[in-house]
Amino acid sequence: MNGLTEAEQLLQELGITEPEEIDLEAIAYHVGATIKRRPLDGCEARIVGSDNKAIITVNSSSPKVRQQFSIGHEIGHWYYHRGRTLVCRADDIGGHHSDVAILERQADKFASNLLLPNYIVRPYLNKFKKLNFDTIRKTAKSFGTSIPATAISLVERGSWPSVLVCNGQLGRKWFTRNTKIPIHFFPKNELHYESSAMDILYGREHDQTSPRKIGADKWFNCREAYNQNIYEQSIQTIEGDVLSLLTFN
């Protein structure tokens, strides 16, 4: 099991080798947790545990893919933070914000590795030549995950040089990149008027069906961004933000 995360080790204990075999109800039961779905006000999920048993309550009003990530997140809490009673707000789960508490980031990472395990994802991605939102959507459908969560996972763990940026009306909300991108390629706080993301955010353009070439300096401040082109593909999220996938040659 060398090189496997704790979540992946758990999946292999259960003999899971295909995306459709990732049954969170069964996985939760295996670690002593029972899943209940109820309307929740002010939070996405909560976990209450004692000894080796726990009850995970998930907001039944949320979309199914959101519920799935919330369950994975709470299983992560049960794995790492047993003995605590935790109530997780929407911003705490999968938010990817820098100010989220360490234990929430741990639970998010566990959920990502549980729902999109490397040892299943990597062979699956071999069928795709490029990373774009078509690849991300197909992967999300196969693994039952949300577009943002899938995009984050494929950018951070994939082999394609890429950056993922989320922008809202007040500017950049968060970004992530993989190790092929130098750390000085830091996305600007505000969208450039030539970016498709700007037009999508303000309703002047629909989601991009394919990436388009744009100057890297429209997205990044560093010297190397000038006289270099990248590819941008932007879509709107269900929250009204814009998710931009920036890929490098």
C-alpha atoms as a PDB file:
ATOM      1  CA  MET A   1       0.000   0.000   0.000  1.00  0.00           C
ATOM      2  CA  ASN A   2       3.032   2.297  -0.330  1.00  0.00           C
ATOM      3  CA  GLY A   3       2.162   5.636  -1.837  1.00  0.00           C
ATOM      4  CA  LEU A   4      -1.555   5.333  -1.124  1.00  0.00           C
ATOM      5  CA  THR A   5      -3.414   7.886   0.957  1.00  0.00           C
ATOM      6  CA  GLU A   6      -5.424   6.759   3.978  1.00  0.00           C
ATOM      7  CA  ALA A   7      -8.627   7.095   1.954  1.00  0.00           C
ATOM      8  CA  GLU A   8      -7.199   4.985  -0.873  1.00  0.00           C
ATOM      9  CA  GLN A   9      -6.055   2.346   1.593  1.00  0.00           C
ATOM     10  CA  LEU A  10      -9.614   2.206   2.921  1.00  0.00           C
ATOM     11  CA  LEU A  11     -10.956   1.701  -0.621  1.00  0.00           C
ATOM     12  CA  GLN A  12      -8.451  -1.068  -1.301  1.00  0.00           C
ATOM     13  CA  GLU A  13      -9.407  -2.797   1.941  1.00  0.00           C
ATOM     14  CA  LEU A  14     -12.880  -3.062   0.430  1.00  0.00           C
ATOM     15  CA  GLY A  15     -11.565  -4.292  -2.914  1.00  0.00           C
ATOM     16  CA  ILE A  16     -12.757  -1.225  -4.842  1.00  0.00           C
ATOM     17  CA  THR A  17     -11.232  -0.953  -8.328  1.00  0.00           C
ATOM     18  CA  GLU A  18     -13.854   0.892 -10.414  1.00  0.00           C
ATOM     19  CA  PRO A  19     -15.603   4.286  -9.990  1.00  0.00           C
ATOM     20  CA  GLU A  20     -19.085   2.752  -9.741  1.00  0.00           C
ATOM     21  CA  GLU A  21     -17.949   0.618  -6.793  1.00  0.00           C
ATOM     22  CA  ILE A  22     -17.346   3.665  -4.571  1.00  0.00           C
ATOM     23  CA  ASP A  23     -20.457   3.301  -2.401  1.00  0.00           C
ATOM     24  CA  LEU A  24     -20.236   5.836   0.422  1.00  0.00           C
ATOM     25  CA  GLU A  25     -23.063   4.251   2.427  1.00  0.00           C
ATOM     26  CA  ALA A  26     -21.118   0.960   2.495  1.00  0.00           C
ATOM     27  CA  ILE A  27     -17.811   2.693   3.195  1.00  0.00           C
ATOM     28  CA  ALA A  28     -19.341   4.644   6.087  1.00  0.00           C
ATOM     29  CA  TYR A  29     -20.849   1.436   7.500  1.00  0.00           C
ATOM     30  CA  HIS A  30     -17.435  -0.241   7.251  1.00  0.00           C
ATOM     31  CA  VAL A  31     -15.900   2.435   9.518  1.00  0.00           C
ATOM     32  CA  GLY A  32     -18.832   2.426  11.971  1.00  0.00           C
ATOM     33  CA  ALA A  33     -20.825   5.397  10.688  1.00  0.00           C
ATOM     34  CA  THR A  34     -24.491   5.566   9.707  1.00  0.00           C
ATOM     35  CA  ILE A  35     -25.692   8.069   7.091  1.00  0.00           C
ATOM     36  CA  LYS A  36     -28.894  10.037   7.638  1.00  0.00           C
ATOM     37  CA  ARG A  37     -30.309  12.597   5.225  1.00  0.00           C
ATOM     38  CA  ARG A  38     -32.320  15.432   6.751  1.00  0.00           C
ATOM     39  CA  PRO A  39     -33.046  19.075   5.877  1.00  0.00           C
ATOM     40  CA  LEU A  40     -30.388  21.103   7.701  1.00  0.00           C
ATOM     41  CA  ASP A  41     -30.449  24.820   8.348  1.00  0.00           C
ATOM     42  CA  GLY A  42     -27.133  26.648   8.300  1.00  0.00           C
ATOM     43  CA  CYS A  43     -24.880  23.670   7.641  1.00  0.00           C
ATOM     44  CA  GLU A  44     -24.200  21.034   5.024  1.00  0.00           C
ATOM     45  CA  ALA A  45     -23.413  18.145   7.345  1.00  0.00           C
ATOM     46  CA  ARG A  46     -22.607  17.161  10.889  1.00  0.00           C
ATOM     47  CA  ILE A  47     -21.151  14.150  12.655  1.00  0.00           C
ATOM     48  CA  VAL A  48     -21.763  12.933  16.191  1.00  0.00           C
ATOM     49  CA  GLY A  49     -19.781   9.951  17.417  1.00  0.00           C
ATOM     50  CA  SER A  50     -19.142   7.897  20.519  1.00  0.00           C
ATOM     51  CA  ASP A  51     -16.622   5.068  20.888  1.00  0.00           C
ATOM     52  CA  ASN A  52     -16.604   3.284  17.506  1.00  0.00           C
ATOM     53  CA  LYS A  53     -20.000   4.438  16.242  1.00  0.00           C
ATOM     54  CA  ALA A  54     -21.052   7.669  14.578  1.00  0.00           C
ATOM     55  CA  ILE A  55     -24.020   9.255  12.873  1.00  0.00           C
ATOM     56  CA  ILE A  56     -23.382  11.467   9.861  1.00  0.00           C
ATOM     57  CA  THR A  57     -26.295  13.750   8.980  1.00  0.00           C
ATOM     58  CA  VAL A  58     -26.240  15.324   5.518  1.00  0.00           C
ATOM     59  CA  ASN A  59     -28.394  18.139   4.178  1.00  0.00           C
ATOM     60  CA  SER A  60     -31.001  16.411   2.008  1.00  0.00           C
ATOM     61  CA  SER A  61     -31.813  19.716   0.289  1.00  0.00           C
ATOM     62  CA  SER A  62     -28.382  19.878  -1.341  1.00  0.00           C
ATOM     63  CA  PRO A  63     -27.598  18.434  -4.808  1.00  0.00           C
ATOM     64  CA  LYS A  64     -26.575  14.777  -4.804  1.00  0.00           C
ATOM     65  CA  VAL A  65     -22.948  15.482  -5.742  1.00  0.00           C
ATOM     66  CA  ARG A  66     -22.766  17.975  -2.873  1.00  0.00           C
ATOM     67  CA  GLN A  67     -24.149  15.354  -0.488  1.00  0.00           C
ATOM     68  CA  GLN A  68     -21.557  12.857  -1.716  1.00  0.00           C
ATOM     69  CA  PHE A  69     -18.659  15.196  -1.011  1.00  0.00           C
ATOM     70  CA  SER A  70     -20.153  16.106   2.374  1.00  0.00           C
ATOM     71  CA  ILE A  71     -20.353  12.424   3.326  1.00  0.00           C
ATOM     72  CA  GLY A  72     -16.734  11.893   2.259  1.00  0.00           C
ATOM     73  CA  HIS A  73     -15.766  15.001   4.238  1.00  0.00           C
ATOM     74  CA  GLU A  74     -17.474  13.715   7.404  1.00  0.00           C
ATOM     75  CA  ILE A  75     -15.896  10.263   7.004  1.00  0.00           C
ATOM     76  CA  GLY A  76     -12.608  12.154   6.898  1.00  0.00           C
ATOM     77  CA  HIS A  77     -13.477  13.845  10.192  1.00  0.00           C
ATOM     78  CA  TRP A  78     -14.322  10.432  11.655  1.00  0.00           C
ATOM     79  CA  TYR A  79     -10.952   9.118  10.461  1.00  0.00           C
ATOM     80  CA  TYR A  80      -8.841  12.042  11.702  1.00  0.00           C
ATOM     81  CA  HIS A  81     -10.842  13.834  14.404  1.00  0.00           C
ATOM     82  CA  ARG A  82     -12.739  11.121  16.228  1.00  0.00           C
ATOM     83  CA  GLY A  83     -14.167  12.195  19.579  1.00  0.00           C
ATOM     84  CA  ARG A  84     -15.340  15.629  18.418  1.00  0.00           C
ATOM     85  CA  THR A  85     -18.799  16.840  17.510  1.00  0.00           C
ATOM     86  CA  LEU A  86     -18.457  18.817  14.280  1.00  0.00           C
ATOM     87  CA  VAL A  87     -20.928  20.953  12.344  1.00  0.00           C
ATOM     88  CA  CYS A  88     -19.738  21.857   8.850  1.00  0.00           C
ATOM     89  CA  ARG A  89     -21.086  24.880   7.008  1.00  0.00           C
ATOM     90  CA  ALA A  90     -21.211  25.103   3.219  1.00  0.00           C
ATOM     91  CA  ASP A  91     -18.036  27.240   3.158  1.00  0.00           C
ATOM     92  CA  ASP A  92     -16.188  24.667   5.253  1.00  0.00           C
ATOM     93  CA  ILE A  93     -16.711  21.770   2.835  1.00  0.00           C
ATOM     94  CA  GLY A  94     -14.839  21.849  -0.448  1.00  0.00           C
ATOM     95  CA  GLY A  95     -14.535  25.620  -0.368  1.00  0.00           C
ATOM     96  CA  HIS A  96     -10.786  25.621  -1.100  1.00  0.00           C
ATOM     97  CA  HIS A  97     -10.363  28.896   0.813  1.00  0.00           C
ATOM     98  CA  SER A  98      -7.073  29.634   2.556  1.00  0.00           C
ATOM     99  CA  ASP A  99      -8.789  30.575   5.825  1.00  0.00           C
ATOM    100  CA  VAL A 100     -10.574  27.248   6.295  1.00  0.00           C
ATOM    101  CA  ALA A 101      -9.354  25.544   9.464  1.00  0.00           C
ATOM    102  CA  ILE A 102      -6.703  22.849   9.151  1.00  0.00           C
ATOM    103  CA  LEU A 103      -9.074  20.080  10.233  1.00  0.00           C
ATOM    104  CA  GLU A 104     -11.538  21.101   7.509  1.00  0.00           C
ATOM    105  CA  ARG A 105      -8.793  20.980   4.875  1.00  0.00           C
ATOM    106  CA  GLN A 106      -7.801  17.530   6.130  1.00  0.00           C
ATOM    107  CA  ALA A 107     -11.387  16.329   5.782  1.00  0.00           C
ATOM    108  CA  ASP A 108     -11.650  17.879   2.303  1.00  0.00           C
ATOM    109  CA  LYS A 109      -8.477  16.121   1.165  1.00  0.00           C
ATOM    110  CA  PHE A 110      -9.743  12.824   2.524  1.00  0.00           C
ATOM    111  CA  ALA A 111     -13.044  13.273   0.655  1.00  0.00           C
ATOM    112  CA  SER A 112     -11.221  14.081  -2.581  1.00  0.00           C
ATOM    113  CA  ASN A 113      -9.012  11.001  -2.287  1.00  0.00           C
ATOM    114  CA  LEU A 114     -12.018   8.855  -1.377  1.00  0.00           C
ATOM    115  CA  LEU A 115     -14.194  10.001  -4.282  1.00  0.00           C
ATOM    116  CA  LEU A 116     -11.399  10.445  -6.833  1.00  0.00           C
ATOM    117  CA  PRO A 117      -8.671   7.989  -5.813  1.00  0.00           C
ATOM    118  CA  ASN A 118      -5.448   8.260  -7.789  1.00  0.00           C
ATOM    119  CA  TYR A 119      -5.110   4.537  -8.430  1.00  0.00           C
ATOM    120  CA  ILE A 120      -8.471   4.573 -10.256  1.00  0.00           C
ATOM    121  CA  VAL A 121      -8.375   8.095 -11.712  1.00  0.00           C
ATOM    122  CA  ARG A 122      -4.955   7.874 -13.385  1.00  0.00           C
ATOM    123  CA  PRO A 123      -5.734   4.841 -15.581  1.00  0.00           C
ATOM    124  CA  TYR A 124      -9.140   6.370 -16.368  1.00  0.00           C
ATOM    125  CA  LEU A 125      -7.538   9.617 -17.577  1.00  0.00           C
ATOM    126  CA  ASN A 126      -5.285   7.786 -20.037  1.00  0.00           C
ATOM    127  CA  LYS A 127      -8.160   7.840 -22.522  1.00  0.00           C
ATOM    128  CA  PHE A 128      -8.016  11.653 -22.683  1.00  0.00           C
ATOM    129  CA  LYS A 129      -5.348  13.586 -24.599  1.00  0.00           C
ATOM    130  CA  LYS A 130      -6.097  17.016 -23.137  1.00  0.00           C
ATOM    131  CA  LEU A 131      -7.466  18.574 -19.989  1.00  0.00           C
ATOM    132  CA  ASN A 132     -10.560  20.689 -20.619  1.00  0.00           C
ATOM    133  CA  PHE A 133     -14.036  20.949 -19.159  1.00  0.00           C
ATOM    134  CA  ASP A 134     -15.268  18.148 -21.427  1.00  0.00           C
ATOM    135  CA  THR A 135     -12.691  15.845 -19.789  1.00  0.00           C
ATOM    136  CA  ILE A 136     -13.696  17.178 -16.366  1.00  0.00           C
ATOM    137  CA  ARG A 137     -17.446  16.676 -16.999  1.00  0.00           C
ATOM    138  CA  LYS A 138     -16.958  13.099 -18.210  1.00  0.00           C
ATOM    139  CA  THR A 139     -14.805  12.300 -15.186  1.00  0.00           C
ATOM    140  CA  ALA A 140     -17.316  13.934 -12.821  1.00  0.00           C
ATOM    141  CA  LYS A 141     -20.148  11.867 -14.319  1.00  0.00           C
ATOM    142  CA  SER A 142     -18.198   8.606 -13.981  1.00  0.00           C
ATOM    143  CA  PHE A 143     -17.167   9.260 -10.372  1.00  0.00           C
ATOM    144  CA  GLY A 144     -20.357  11.009  -9.209  1.00  0.00           C
ATOM    145  CA  THR A 145     -18.528  14.178  -8.203  1.00  0.00           C
ATOM    146  CA  SER A 146     -19.120  17.892  -8.748  1.00  0.00           C
ATOM    147  CA  ILE A 147     -17.474  19.869 -11.546  1.00  0.00           C
ATOM    148  CA  PRO A 148     -15.425  22.098  -9.164  1.00  0.00           C
ATOM    149  CA  ALA A 149     -14.227  19.175  -7.012  1.00  0.00           C
ATOM    150  CA  THR A 150     -13.297  17.163 -10.097  1.00  0.00           C
ATOM    151  CA  ALA A 151     -11.538  20.124 -11.699  1.00  0.00           C
ATOM    152  CA  ILE A 152      -9.496  20.749  -8.545  1.00  0.00           C
ATOM    153  CA  SER A 153      -8.478  17.101  -8.359  1.00  0.00           C
ATOM    154  CA  LEU A 154      -7.480  16.806 -12.025  1.00  0.00           C
ATOM    155  CA  VAL A 155      -5.510  20.058 -11.977  1.00  0.00           C
ATOM    156  CA  GLU A 156      -3.650  19.288  -8.754  1.00  0.00           C
ATOM    157  CA  ARG A 157      -2.980  15.624  -9.473  1.00  0.00           C
ATOM    158  CA  GLY A 158      -2.946  15.498 -13.264  1.00  0.00           C
ATOM    159  CA  SER A 159       0.004  15.591 -15.646  1.00  0.00           C
ATOM    160  CA  TRP A 160      -1.212  18.604 -17.640  1.00  0.00           C
ATOM    161  CA  PRO A 161       0.409  22.002 -16.844  1.00  0.00           C
ATOM    162  CA  SER A 162      -2.617  23.957 -15.664  1.00  0.00           C
ATOM    163  CA  VAL A 163      -4.088  26.452 -13.212  1.00  0.00           C
ATOM    164  CA  LEU A 164      -7.689  26.590 -11.980  1.00  0.00           C
ATOM    165  CA  VAL A 165      -9.064  29.969 -10.866  1.00  0.00           C
ATOM    166  CA  CYS A 166     -12.421  30.848  -9.313  1.00  0.00           C
ATOM    167  CA  ASN A 167     -13.613  34.457  -9.617  1.00  0.00           C
ATOM    168  CA  GLY A 168     -16.687  36.187  -8.221  1.00  0.00           C
ATOM    169  CA  GLN A 169     -18.092  39.699  -8.437  1.00  0.00           C
ATOM    170  CA  LEU A 170     -15.517  40.912  -5.889  1.00  0.00           C
ATOM    171  CA  GLY A 171     -12.529  39.373  -7.652  1.00  0.00           C
ATOM    172  CA  ARG A 172     -10.500  36.212  -7.301  1.00  0.00           C
ATOM    173  CA  LYS A 173     -11.842  33.840  -4.641  1.00  0.00           C
ATOM    174  CA  TRP A 174      -9.274  31.052  -4.881  1.00  0.00           C
ATOM    175  CA  PHE A 175      -6.946  29.247  -7.245  1.00  0.00           C
ATOM    176  CA  THR A 176      -4.922  26.052  -7.442  1.00  0.00           C
ATOM    177  CA  ARG A 177      -2.291  24.679  -9.800  1.00  0.00           C
ATOM    178  CA  ASN A 178      -0.204  21.587 -10.345  1.00  0.00           C
ATOM    179  CA  THR A 179       3.518  21.206  -9.766  1.00  0.00           C
ATOM    180  CA  LYS A 180       4.380  21.830 -13.424  1.00  0.00           C
ATOM    181  CA  ILE A 181       3.476  25.514 -13.004  1.00  0.00           C
ATOM    182  CA  PRO A 182       6.167  27.732 -11.361  1.00  0.00           C
ATOM    183  CA  ILE A 183       4.973  29.336  -8.133  1.00  0.00           C
ATOM    184  CA  HIS A 184       5.594  32.857  -9.461  1.00  0.00           C
ATOM    185  CA  PHE A 185       2.728  32.381 -11.932  1.00  0.00           C
ATOM    186  CA  PHE A 186       0.244  33.920  -9.513  1.00  0.00           C
ATOM    187  CA  PRO A 187      -3.211  34.817 -10.923  1.00  0.00           C
ATOM    188  CA  LYS A 188      -4.265  38.456 -10.821  1.00  0.00           C
ATOM    189  CA  ASN A 189      -6.824  39.567  -8.256  1.00  0.00           C
ATOM    190  CA  GLU A 190      -9.117  41.050 -10.891  1.00  0.00           C
ATOM    191  CA  LEU A 191     -10.298  39.671 -14.229  1.00  0.00           C
ATOM    192  CA  HIS A 192      -8.910  41.257 -17.381  1.00  0.00           C
ATOM    193  CA  TYR A 193     -11.500  42.736 -19.733  1.00  0.00           C
ATOM    194  CA  GLU A 194     -10.200  40.562 -22.606  1.00  0.00           C
ATOM    195  CA  SER A 195     -10.825  37.316 -20.725  1.00  0.00           C
ATOM    196  CA  SER A 196     -13.872  35.196 -21.465  1.00  0.00           C
ATOM    197  CA  ALA A 197     -14.309  34.835 -17.713  1.00  0.00           C
ATOM    198  CA  MET A 198     -15.175  38.528 -17.471  1.00  0.00           C
ATOM    199  CA  ASP A 199     -17.928  38.226 -20.109  1.00  0.00           C
ATOM    200  CA  ILE A 200     -19.338  35.055 -18.527  1.00  0.00           C
ATOM    201  CA  LEU A 201     -19.347  36.554 -15.024  1.00  0.00           C
ATOM    202  CA  TYR A 202     -21.434  39.501 -16.201  1.00  0.00           C
ATOM    203  CA  GLY A 203     -23.727  37.524 -18.485  1.00  0.00           C
ATOM    204  CA  ARG A 204     -22.335  38.774 -21.795  1.00  0.00           C
ATOM    205  CA  GLU A 205     -21.193  35.307 -22.890  1.00  0.00           C
ATOM    206  CA  HIS A 206     -22.177  31.678 -22.295  1.00  0.00           C
ATOM    207  CA  ASP A 207     -19.888  28.923 -21.023  1.00  0.00           C
ATOM    208  CA  GLN A 208     -16.989  28.263 -23.360  1.00  0.00           C
ATOM    209  CA  THR A 209     -17.364  24.943 -25.170  1.00  0.00           C
ATOM    210  CA  SER A 210     -13.636  24.786 -25.935  1.00  0.00           C
ATOM    211  CA  PRO A 211     -10.460  26.545 -24.779  1.00  0.00           C
ATOM    212  CA  ARG A 212      -9.306  29.695 -26.578  1.00  0.00           C
ATOM    213  CA  LYS A 213      -5.866  31.251 -26.849  1.00  0.00           C
ATOM    214  CA  ILE A 214      -5.146  34.337 -24.750  1.00  0.00           C
ATOM    215  CA  GLY A 215      -2.025  36.192 -23.635  1.00  0.00           C
ATOM    216  CA  ALA A 216      -0.726  34.835 -20.337  1.00  0.00           C
ATOM    217  CA  ASP A 217      -0.190  38.420 -19.154  1.00  0.00           C
ATOM    218  CA  LYS A 218      -3.993  38.857 -19.078  1.00  0.00           C
ATOM    219  CA  TRP A 219      -4.059  36.356 -16.204  1.00  0.00           C
ATOM    220  CA  PHE A 220      -0.618  36.570 -14.555  1.00  0.00           C
ATOM    221  CA  ASN A 221       1.596  39.437 -13.383  1.00  0.00           C
ATOM    222  CA  CYS A 222       5.029  37.812 -13.678  1.00  0.00           C
ATOM    223  CA  ARG A 223       7.576  38.804 -16.335  1.00  0.00           C
ATOM    224  CA  GLU A 224       7.472  35.359 -17.991  1.00  0.00           C
ATOM    225  CA  ALA A 225       3.774  35.862 -18.766  1.00  0.00           C
ATOM    226  CA  TYR A 226       4.528  38.496 -21.403  1.00  0.00           C
ATOM    227  CA  ASN A 227       4.956  37.257 -24.969  1.00  0.00           C
ATOM    228  CA  GLN A 228       3.499  33.897 -23.959  1.00  0.00           C
ATOM    229  CA  ASN A 229       0.113  32.446 -24.824  1.00  0.00           C
ATOM    230  CA  ILE A 230      -2.019  30.083 -22.749  1.00  0.00           C
ATOM    231  CA  TYR A 231      -5.465  28.582 -23.266  1.00  0.00           C
ATOM    232  CA  GLU A 232      -8.471  29.707 -21.235  1.00  0.00           C
ATOM    233  CA  GLN A 233     -11.762  27.867 -20.827  1.00  0.00           C
ATOM    234  CA  SER A 234     -14.287  29.398 -18.428  1.00  0.00           C
ATOM    235  CA  ILE A 235     -17.685  28.258 -17.173  1.00  0.00           C
ATOM    236  CA  GLN A 236     -20.180  29.537 -14.626  1.00  0.00           C
ATOM    237  CA  THR A 237     -20.762  27.600 -11.406  1.00  0.00           C
ATOM    238  CA  ILE A 238     -24.166  27.012  -9.831  1.00  0.00           C
ATOM    239  CA  GLU A 239     -23.240  29.672  -7.238  1.00  0.00           C
ATOM    240  CA  GLY A 240     -22.803  32.275  -9.990  1.00  0.00           C
ATOM    241  CA  ASP A 241     -18.994  32.387  -9.824  1.00  0.00           C
ATOM    242  CA  VAL A 242     -16.758  31.680 -12.821  1.00  0.00           C
ATOM    243  CA  LEU A 243     -14.367  28.751 -12.936  1.00  0.00           C
ATOM    244  CA  SER A 244     -11.460  29.212 -15.351  1.00  0.00           C
ATOM    245  CA  LEU A 245      -9.143  26.459 -16.512  1.00  0.00           C
ATOM    246  CA  LEU A 246      -5.835  27.868 -17.760  1.00  0.00           C
ATOM    247  CA  THR A 247      -3.625  25.406 -19.610  1.00  0.00           C
ATOM    248  CA  PHE A 248      -0.045  25.837 -20.803  1.00  0.00           C
ATOM    249  CA  ASN A 249       1.601  24.262 -23.833  1.00  0.00           C
END
